[in-house]
Amino acid sequence: PRKNAGHPPLPEVNFTSLIFSLSSSALMHIGEIADPQTGEKQKDLPLAKHAIDTISMLKEKTEGNLSQEEHKFIESVLMDLKWRYVKAVK
């Protein structure tokens, strides 16, 4: 059987794709984007907070080891997610 039978091509394994994956998960749990499996939007704010906290932890642990682009990306993703999370909690 083919390696990618029935699956879209997977993103390159790098820091940006990891952060993008975590942010997509957070956005899904905030209720901003639909679950790719069900096509439905659902809120699970504790899971959204967990994904955001994971990105924050990665930001702390990688401090000083990121390229300028990676640093800007993680900063903007975190700011956006935190803003959306606060809006969703209200």
C-alpha atoms as a PDB file:
ATOM      1  CA  PRO A   1       0.000   0.000   0.000  1.00  0.00           C
ATOM      2  CA  ARG A   2       1.009   3.601  -0.587  1.00  0.00           C
ATOM      3  CA  LYS A   3       2.413   5.532   2.363  1.00  0.00           C
ATOM      4  CA  ASN A   4      -0.126   8.380   2.144  1.00  0.00           C
ATOM      5  CA  ALA A   5      -3.196   6.401   1.086  1.00  0.00           C
ATOM      6  CA  GLY A   6      -6.188   8.497   2.137  1.00  0.00           C
ATOM      7  CA  HIS A   7      -4.143  11.075   4.036  1.00  0.00           C
ATOM      8  CA  PRO A   8      -3.127  14.572   2.976  1.00  0.00           C
ATOM      9  CA  PRO A   9       0.641  15.103   2.869  1.00  0.00           C
ATOM     10  CA  LEU A  10       2.031  15.727   6.338  1.00  0.00           C
ATOM     11  CA  PRO A  11       3.735  19.045   7.097  1.00  0.00           C
ATOM     12  CA  GLU A  12       7.496  19.200   7.428  1.00  0.00           C
ATOM     13  CA  VAL A  13       8.643  18.391  10.959  1.00  0.00           C
ATOM     14  CA  ASN A  14       9.972  21.665  12.342  1.00  0.00           C
ATOM     15  CA  PHE A  15       9.342  24.107  15.169  1.00  0.00           C
ATOM     16  CA  THR A  16       6.882  26.237  13.190  1.00  0.00           C
ATOM     17  CA  SER A  17       4.759  23.249  12.153  1.00  0.00           C
ATOM     18  CA  LEU A  18       4.650  22.072  15.784  1.00  0.00           C
ATOM     19  CA  ILE A  19       3.446  25.490  16.989  1.00  0.00           C
ATOM     20  CA  PHE A  20       0.975  25.674  14.095  1.00  0.00           C
ATOM     21  CA  SER A  21      -0.417  22.249  15.039  1.00  0.00           C
ATOM     22  CA  LEU A  22      -0.808  23.225  18.700  1.00  0.00           C
ATOM     23  CA  SER A  23      -2.435  26.533  17.754  1.00  0.00           C
ATOM     24  CA  SER A  24      -4.877  24.743  15.430  1.00  0.00           C
ATOM     25  CA  SER A  25      -5.788  22.465  18.322  1.00  0.00           C
ATOM     26  CA  ALA A  26      -6.310  25.480  20.601  1.00  0.00           C
ATOM     27  CA  LEU A  27      -8.460  27.235  17.970  1.00  0.00           C
ATOM     28  CA  MET A  28     -10.563  24.102  17.585  1.00  0.00           C
ATOM     29  CA  HIS A  29     -11.091  23.869  21.373  1.00  0.00           C
ATOM     30  CA  ILE A  30     -11.909  27.594  21.587  1.00  0.00           C
ATOM     31  CA  GLY A  31     -14.617  26.855  19.016  1.00  0.00           C
ATOM     32  CA  GLU A  32     -13.110  29.021  16.262  1.00  0.00           C
ATOM     33  CA  ILE A  33     -12.542  26.189  13.769  1.00  0.00           C
ATOM     34  CA  ALA A  34     -14.385  22.929  13.166  1.00  0.00           C
ATOM     35  CA  ASP A  35     -13.072  19.546  14.251  1.00  0.00           C
ATOM     36  CA  PRO A  36     -11.644  18.011  11.045  1.00  0.00           C
ATOM     37  CA  GLN A  37     -13.075  14.597  12.020  1.00  0.00           C
ATOM     38  CA  THR A  38     -16.676  15.717  12.662  1.00  0.00           C
ATOM     39  CA  GLY A  39     -16.870  19.026  10.792  1.00  0.00           C
ATOM     40  CA  GLU A  40     -18.480  20.544  13.896  1.00  0.00           C
ATOM     41  CA  LYS A  41     -17.364  23.422  16.094  1.00  0.00           C
ATOM     42  CA  GLN A  42     -17.226  22.646  19.791  1.00  0.00           C
ATOM     43  CA  LYS A  43     -15.858  24.474  22.810  1.00  0.00           C
ATOM     44  CA  ASP A  44     -13.615  22.789  25.345  1.00  0.00           C
ATOM     45  CA  LEU A  45     -11.918  25.699  27.097  1.00  0.00           C
ATOM     46  CA  PRO A  46      -9.800  23.581  29.505  1.00  0.00           C
ATOM     47  CA  LEU A  47      -8.271  21.793  26.477  1.00  0.00           C
ATOM     48  CA  ALA A  48      -7.788  25.145  24.722  1.00  0.00           C
ATOM     49  CA  LYS A  49      -5.961  26.483  27.787  1.00  0.00           C
ATOM     50  CA  HIS A  50      -3.805  23.332  27.886  1.00  0.00           C
ATOM     51  CA  ALA A  51      -2.710  23.839  24.264  1.00  0.00           C
ATOM     52  CA  ILE A  52      -1.961  27.538  24.903  1.00  0.00           C
ATOM     53  CA  ASP A  53      -0.013  26.667  28.071  1.00  0.00           C
ATOM     54  CA  THR A  54       1.964  24.075  26.079  1.00  0.00           C
ATOM     55  CA  ILE A  55       2.941  26.733  23.517  1.00  0.00           C
ATOM     56  CA  SER A  56       3.925  29.090  26.375  1.00  0.00           C
ATOM     57  CA  MET A  57       6.088  26.364  27.911  1.00  0.00           C
ATOM     58  CA  LEU A  58       7.781  25.711  24.553  1.00  0.00           C
ATOM     59  CA  LYS A  59       8.421  29.455  24.206  1.00  0.00           C
ATOM     60  CA  GLU A  60      10.130  29.515  27.623  1.00  0.00           C
ATOM     61  CA  LYS A  61      12.139  26.321  27.028  1.00  0.00           C
ATOM     62  CA  THR A  62      13.384  27.443  23.602  1.00  0.00           C
ATOM     63  CA  GLU A  63      14.267  31.022  24.661  1.00  0.00           C
ATOM     64  CA  GLY A  64      17.490  32.038  22.899  1.00  0.00           C
ATOM     65  CA  ASN A  65      17.435  29.038  20.545  1.00  0.00           C
ATOM     66  CA  LEU A  66      14.916  30.221  17.954  1.00  0.00           C
ATOM     67  CA  SER A  67      15.494  32.014  14.690  1.00  0.00           C
ATOM     68  CA  GLN A  68      14.046  35.520  14.492  1.00  0.00           C
ATOM     69  CA  GLU A  69      11.189  34.197  12.312  1.00  0.00           C
ATOM     70  CA  GLU A  70      10.381  31.378  14.766  1.00  0.00           C
ATOM     71  CA  HIS A  71      10.444  33.812  17.687  1.00  0.00           C
ATOM     72  CA  LYS A  72       8.090  36.255  15.914  1.00  0.00           C
ATOM     73  CA  PHE A  73       5.791  33.389  14.924  1.00  0.00           C
ATOM     74  CA  ILE A  74       5.436  31.955  18.432  1.00  0.00           C
ATOM     75  CA  GLU A  75       4.949  35.448  19.907  1.00  0.00           C
ATOM     76  CA  SER A  76       2.171  36.351  17.455  1.00  0.00           C
ATOM     77  CA  VAL A  77       0.472  32.944  17.795  1.00  0.00           C
ATOM     78  CA  LEU A  78       0.445  33.231  21.594  1.00  0.00           C
ATOM     79  CA  MET A  79      -0.892  36.787  21.581  1.00  0.00           C
ATOM     80  CA  ASP A  80      -3.658  35.830  19.135  1.00  0.00           C
ATOM     81  CA  LEU A  81      -4.644  32.657  21.016  1.00  0.00           C
ATOM     82  CA  LYS A  82      -4.682  34.378  24.410  1.00  0.00           C
ATOM     83  CA  TRP A  83      -6.897  37.152  23.019  1.00  0.00           C
ATOM     84  CA  ARG A  84      -9.298  34.619  21.468  1.00  0.00           C
ATOM     85  CA  TYR A  85      -9.322  32.537  24.664  1.00  0.00           C
ATOM     86  CA  VAL A  86     -10.179  35.538  26.864  1.00  0.00           C
ATOM     87  CA  LYS A  87     -12.985  36.453  24.430  1.00  0.00           C
ATOM     88  CA  ALA A  88     -14.321  32.868  24.525  1.00  0.00           C
ATOM     89  CA  VAL A  89     -14.290  32.727  28.331  1.00  0.00           C
ATOM     90  CA  LYS A  90     -16.424  35.885  28.674  1.00  0.00           C
END
